[in-house]
Amino acid sequence: MNKADREHLNRVASIGCIVCLNLGYGQSPAEIHHIRAGMGMGQRNDHKRSIPLCHAHHRTGGHGVAFHAGPKAWQEKYGTEQELLTQVGEILEYTG
């Protein structure tokens, strides 16, 4: 990972969990989720294709809450990874 990647991921994480924001919970600490769409098993997407998710919405919340516990149910409930990536991009453009 280079300096530009680290800076980008720091900006993404600083948004807070995009799902919590959309649910009206406000900003919550976030970790980076690399978009899985179009990738094979065990492969990670480019750092630019990442969204911020809290622990619960990323990996610890269980089926229907955490992406990694049930991606299909998660996306039906909160939106597709691509839709959320687009939203994150808009926020980053707005905040400069």
N, C-alpha and C. Protein backbone atom coordinates (compact mmCIF):
# COMPACT_ATOMS: atom_id res chain seq x y z
N MET A 1 0.86 -1.17 0.00
CA MET A 1 0.00 0.00 0.00
C MET A 1 0.91 1.24 0.00
N ASN A 2 0.58 2.17 -0.87
CA ASN A 2 1.38 3.39 -0.93
C ASN A 2 0.73 4.52 -0.13
N LYS A 3 1.40 5.66 -0.10
CA LYS A 3 0.92 6.80 0.69
C LYS A 3 -0.46 7.28 0.23
N ALA A 4 -0.68 7.34 -1.08
CA ALA A 4 -1.97 7.78 -1.61
C ALA A 4 -3.10 6.83 -1.18
N ASP A 5 -2.82 5.52 -1.19
CA ASP A 5 -3.81 4.54 -0.75
C ASP A 5 -4.14 4.74 0.73
N ARG A 6 -3.12 4.92 1.57
CA ARG A 6 -3.34 5.13 3.01
C ARG A 6 -4.18 6.39 3.24
N GLU A 7 -3.85 7.46 2.54
CA GLU A 7 -4.60 8.71 2.70
C GLU A 7 -6.05 8.52 2.28
N HIS A 8 -6.27 7.83 1.17
CA HIS A 8 -7.63 7.58 0.70
C HIS A 8 -8.42 6.77 1.74
N LEU A 9 -7.83 5.69 2.22
CA LEU A 9 -8.53 4.83 3.19
C LEU A 9 -8.80 5.58 4.49
N ASN A 10 -7.90 6.45 4.90
CA ASN A 10 -8.15 7.28 6.09
C ASN A 10 -9.33 8.21 5.87
N ARG A 11 -9.44 8.79 4.68
CA ARG A 11 -10.58 9.66 4.36
C ARG A 11 -11.88 8.86 4.36
N VAL A 12 -11.84 7.68 3.78
CA VAL A 12 -13.04 6.82 3.74
C VAL A 12 -13.47 6.48 5.16
N ALA A 13 -12.54 6.04 6.00
CA ALA A 13 -12.88 5.66 7.37
C ALA A 13 -13.38 6.85 8.18
N SER A 14 -12.90 8.05 7.86
CA SER A 14 -13.30 9.24 8.62
C SER A 14 -14.77 9.59 8.42
N ILE A 15 -15.39 9.07 7.37
CA ILE A 15 -16.82 9.30 7.13
C ILE A 15 -17.65 8.64 8.24
N GLY A 16 -17.15 7.52 8.75
CA GLY A 16 -17.93 6.71 9.68
C GLY A 16 -18.72 5.68 8.88
N CYS A 17 -19.35 4.77 9.55
CA CYS A 17 -20.10 3.70 8.90
C CYS A 17 -21.19 4.28 8.00
N ILE A 18 -21.13 3.95 6.73
CA ILE A 18 -22.09 4.49 5.76
C ILE A 18 -23.50 3.96 6.04
N VAL A 19 -23.62 2.74 6.54
CA VAL A 19 -24.94 2.18 6.86
C VAL A 19 -25.53 2.91 8.06
N CYS A 20 -24.72 3.11 9.10
CA CYS A 20 -25.21 3.83 10.28
C CYS A 20 -25.65 5.25 9.90
N LEU A 21 -24.89 5.90 9.04
CA LEU A 21 -25.27 7.24 8.58
C LEU A 21 -26.62 7.20 7.87
N ASN A 22 -26.79 6.22 6.99
CA ASN A 22 -28.04 6.11 6.23
C ASN A 22 -29.23 5.76 7.13
N LEU A 23 -28.97 5.08 8.24
CA LEU A 23 -30.05 4.73 9.16
C LEU A 23 -30.35 5.85 10.16
N GLY A 24 -29.59 6.93 10.08
CA GLY A 24 -29.80 8.07 10.97
C GLY A 24 -29.16 7.93 12.33
N TYR A 25 -28.22 7.01 12.47
CA TYR A 25 -27.55 6.79 13.75
C TYR A 25 -26.40 7.77 13.97
N GLY A 26 -26.06 8.53 12.97
CA GLY A 26 -24.92 9.44 13.07
C GLY A 26 -23.62 8.73 12.74
N GLN A 27 -22.54 9.40 13.03
CA GLN A 27 -21.23 8.86 12.68
C GLN A 27 -20.76 7.85 13.73
N SER A 28 -20.33 6.69 13.28
CA SER A 28 -19.78 5.67 14.17
C SER A 28 -18.42 5.24 13.64
N PRO A 29 -17.53 4.79 14.51
CA PRO A 29 -16.21 4.36 14.07
C PRO A 29 -16.33 3.29 12.99
N ALA A 30 -15.47 3.39 11.99
CA ALA A 30 -15.58 2.48 10.85
C ALA A 30 -14.26 1.82 10.53
N GLU A 31 -14.39 0.63 9.97
CA GLU A 31 -13.26 -0.06 9.38
C GLU A 31 -13.51 -0.15 7.88
N ILE A 32 -12.50 -0.50 7.15
CA ILE A 32 -12.59 -0.51 5.69
C ILE A 32 -13.12 -1.86 5.19
N HIS A 33 -14.11 -1.78 4.31
CA HIS A 33 -14.63 -2.97 3.62
C HIS A 33 -14.31 -2.81 2.14
N HIS A 34 -13.52 -3.72 1.62
CA HIS A 34 -13.21 -3.73 0.19
C HIS A 34 -14.37 -4.39 -0.55
N ILE A 35 -14.90 -3.70 -1.55
CA ILE A 35 -16.03 -4.19 -2.34
C ILE A 35 -15.72 -5.58 -2.88
N ARG A 36 -16.67 -6.50 -2.71
CA ARG A 36 -16.49 -7.89 -3.15
C ARG A 36 -17.04 -8.15 -4.55
N ALA A 37 -17.96 -7.33 -5.00
CA ALA A 37 -18.62 -7.55 -6.29
C ALA A 37 -17.58 -7.66 -7.41
N GLY A 38 -17.69 -8.74 -8.19
CA GLY A 38 -16.80 -8.94 -9.31
C GLY A 38 -15.46 -9.58 -8.96
N MET A 39 -15.28 -9.92 -7.70
CA MET A 39 -14.01 -10.52 -7.27
C MET A 39 -14.23 -11.99 -6.96
N GLY A 40 -13.18 -12.79 -7.12
CA GLY A 40 -13.24 -14.20 -6.79
C GLY A 40 -13.07 -14.42 -5.30
N MET A 41 -13.22 -15.64 -4.88
CA MET A 41 -13.07 -16.00 -3.47
C MET A 41 -11.65 -15.65 -3.00
N GLY A 42 -11.57 -15.01 -1.86
CA GLY A 42 -10.28 -14.69 -1.28
C GLY A 42 -9.54 -13.54 -1.93
N GLN A 43 -10.13 -12.92 -2.94
CA GLN A 43 -9.47 -11.79 -3.60
C GLN A 43 -9.98 -10.49 -3.01
N ARG A 44 -9.11 -9.50 -2.97
CA ARG A 44 -9.47 -8.19 -2.45
C ARG A 44 -9.43 -7.18 -3.59
N ASN A 45 -10.41 -6.32 -3.62
CA ASN A 45 -10.50 -5.29 -4.64
C ASN A 45 -9.50 -4.17 -4.37
N ASP A 46 -9.37 -3.28 -5.32
CA ASP A 46 -8.53 -2.09 -5.21
C ASP A 46 -8.95 -1.26 -4.01
N HIS A 47 -8.00 -0.58 -3.36
CA HIS A 47 -8.31 0.25 -2.19
C HIS A 47 -9.30 1.37 -2.51
N LYS A 48 -9.34 1.81 -3.75
CA LYS A 48 -10.27 2.88 -4.14
C LYS A 48 -11.72 2.37 -4.15
N ARG A 49 -11.89 1.07 -4.15
CA ARG A 49 -13.23 0.48 -4.15
C ARG A 49 -13.54 -0.07 -2.76
N SER A 50 -13.57 0.85 -1.79
CA SER A 50 -13.79 0.51 -0.39
C SER A 50 -14.84 1.42 0.21
N ILE A 51 -15.59 0.86 1.17
CA ILE A 51 -16.58 1.64 1.90
C ILE A 51 -16.33 1.50 3.40
N PRO A 52 -16.75 2.49 4.19
CA PRO A 52 -16.57 2.40 5.63
C PRO A 52 -17.76 1.72 6.30
N LEU A 53 -17.47 0.71 7.11
CA LEU A 53 -18.51 0.01 7.86
C LEU A 53 -18.06 -0.17 9.30
N CYS A 54 -18.99 -0.04 10.24
CA CYS A 54 -18.68 -0.32 11.63
C CYS A 54 -18.50 -1.84 11.79
N HIS A 55 -18.01 -2.25 12.95
CA HIS A 55 -17.80 -3.69 13.20
C HIS A 55 -19.08 -4.48 12.98
N ALA A 56 -20.20 -3.98 13.51
CA ALA A 56 -21.46 -4.73 13.41
C ALA A 56 -21.92 -4.88 11.97
N HIS A 57 -21.86 -3.82 11.19
CA HIS A 57 -22.33 -3.90 9.80
C HIS A 57 -21.30 -4.55 8.88
N HIS A 58 -20.09 -4.71 9.35
CA HIS A 58 -19.06 -5.34 8.53
C HIS A 58 -18.94 -6.83 8.82
N ARG A 59 -18.75 -7.21 10.11
CA ARG A 59 -18.41 -8.61 10.37
C ARG A 59 -18.95 -9.22 11.65
N THR A 60 -19.44 -8.44 12.61
CA THR A 60 -19.83 -9.05 13.89
C THR A 60 -21.32 -9.05 14.17
N GLY A 61 -22.14 -8.45 13.32
CA GLY A 61 -23.55 -8.27 13.62
C GLY A 61 -24.46 -9.44 13.34
N GLY A 62 -23.96 -10.50 12.76
CA GLY A 62 -24.81 -11.66 12.46
C GLY A 62 -25.54 -11.52 11.13
N HIS A 63 -26.26 -12.56 10.76
CA HIS A 63 -26.95 -12.61 9.46
C HIS A 63 -27.97 -11.48 9.34
N GLY A 64 -27.91 -10.77 8.22
CA GLY A 64 -28.83 -9.66 7.96
C GLY A 64 -28.34 -8.34 8.52
N VAL A 65 -27.30 -8.38 9.35
CA VAL A 65 -26.72 -7.16 9.91
C VAL A 65 -25.29 -6.97 9.41
N ALA A 66 -24.49 -8.02 9.48
CA ALA A 66 -23.09 -7.95 9.05
C ALA A 66 -22.96 -8.41 7.61
N PHE A 67 -22.22 -7.67 6.82
CA PHE A 67 -22.02 -8.03 5.42
C PHE A 67 -21.48 -9.45 5.30
N HIS A 68 -20.44 -9.77 6.03
CA HIS A 68 -19.78 -11.06 5.87
C HIS A 68 -20.58 -12.23 6.44
N ALA A 69 -21.66 -11.96 7.16
CA ALA A 69 -22.52 -13.03 7.67
C ALA A 69 -23.61 -13.40 6.66
N GLY A 70 -23.86 -12.55 5.69
CA GLY A 70 -24.89 -12.82 4.69
C GLY A 70 -24.98 -11.69 3.69
N PRO A 71 -24.06 -11.66 2.71
CA PRO A 71 -24.00 -10.54 1.77
C PRO A 71 -25.31 -10.25 1.04
N LYS A 72 -26.01 -11.29 0.62
CA LYS A 72 -27.24 -11.08 -0.15
C LYS A 72 -28.30 -10.39 0.71
N ALA A 73 -28.55 -10.91 1.90
CA ALA A 73 -29.54 -10.30 2.80
C ALA A 73 -29.11 -8.89 3.19
N TRP A 74 -27.83 -8.71 3.42
CA TRP A 74 -27.29 -7.39 3.80
C TRP A 74 -27.57 -6.36 2.70
N GLN A 75 -27.29 -6.73 1.45
CA GLN A 75 -27.48 -5.79 0.34
C GLN A 75 -28.96 -5.51 0.08
N GLU A 76 -29.81 -6.48 0.31
CA GLU A 76 -31.25 -6.25 0.16
C GLU A 76 -31.74 -5.25 1.19
N LYS A 77 -31.13 -5.26 2.35
CA LYS A 77 -31.55 -4.40 3.46
C LYS A 77 -30.93 -3.00 3.39
N TYR A 78 -29.65 -2.92 3.04
CA TYR A 78 -28.92 -1.64 3.14
C TYR A 78 -28.50 -1.04 1.80
N GLY A 79 -28.63 -1.78 0.71
CA GLY A 79 -28.19 -1.29 -0.59
C GLY A 79 -27.00 -2.09 -1.07
N THR A 80 -26.76 -2.03 -2.37
CA THR A 80 -25.64 -2.79 -2.92
C THR A 80 -24.32 -2.11 -2.57
N GLU A 81 -23.27 -2.89 -2.64
CA GLU A 81 -21.93 -2.33 -2.41
C GLU A 81 -21.67 -1.17 -3.37
N GLN A 82 -22.07 -1.34 -4.62
CA GLN A 82 -21.83 -0.29 -5.62
C GLN A 82 -22.61 0.98 -5.30
N GLU A 83 -23.86 0.83 -4.87
CA GLU A 83 -24.65 2.01 -4.49
C GLU A 83 -23.98 2.76 -3.32
N LEU A 84 -23.51 2.01 -2.34
CA LEU A 84 -22.86 2.63 -1.18
C LEU A 84 -21.52 3.23 -1.56
N LEU A 85 -20.79 2.57 -2.47
CA LEU A 85 -19.53 3.12 -2.96
C LEU A 85 -19.76 4.45 -3.67
N THR A 86 -20.81 4.53 -4.46
CA THR A 86 -21.15 5.78 -5.14
C THR A 86 -21.45 6.87 -4.12
N GLN A 87 -22.20 6.53 -3.09
CA GLN A 87 -22.52 7.50 -2.04
C GLN A 87 -21.25 7.97 -1.33
N VAL A 88 -20.36 7.05 -1.02
CA VAL A 88 -19.08 7.42 -0.37
C VAL A 88 -18.30 8.36 -1.27
N GLY A 89 -18.25 8.08 -2.56
CA GLY A 89 -17.56 8.96 -3.49
C GLY A 89 -18.14 10.36 -3.50
N GLU A 90 -19.46 10.45 -3.45
CA GLU A 90 -20.12 11.76 -3.42
C GLU A 90 -19.77 12.52 -2.14
N ILE A 91 -19.73 11.83 -1.01
CA ILE A 91 -19.37 12.46 0.25
C ILE A 91 -17.93 12.96 0.20
N LEU A 92 -17.02 12.13 -0.33
CA LEU A 92 -15.62 12.54 -0.40
C LEU A 92 -15.43 13.73 -1.33
N GLU A 93 -16.18 13.79 -2.42
CA GLU A 93 -16.10 14.94 -3.33
C GLU A 93 -16.63 16.19 -2.62
N TYR A 94 -17.71 16.06 -1.89
CA TYR A 94 -18.34 17.19 -1.20
C TYR A 94 -17.43 17.75 -0.12
N THR A 95 -16.76 16.86 0.61
CA THR A 95 -15.91 17.31 1.71
C THR A 95 -14.51 17.70 1.23
N GLY A 96 -14.24 17.48 -0.04
CA GLY A 96 -12.98 17.88 -0.64
C GLY A 96 -11.84 17.09 -0.17
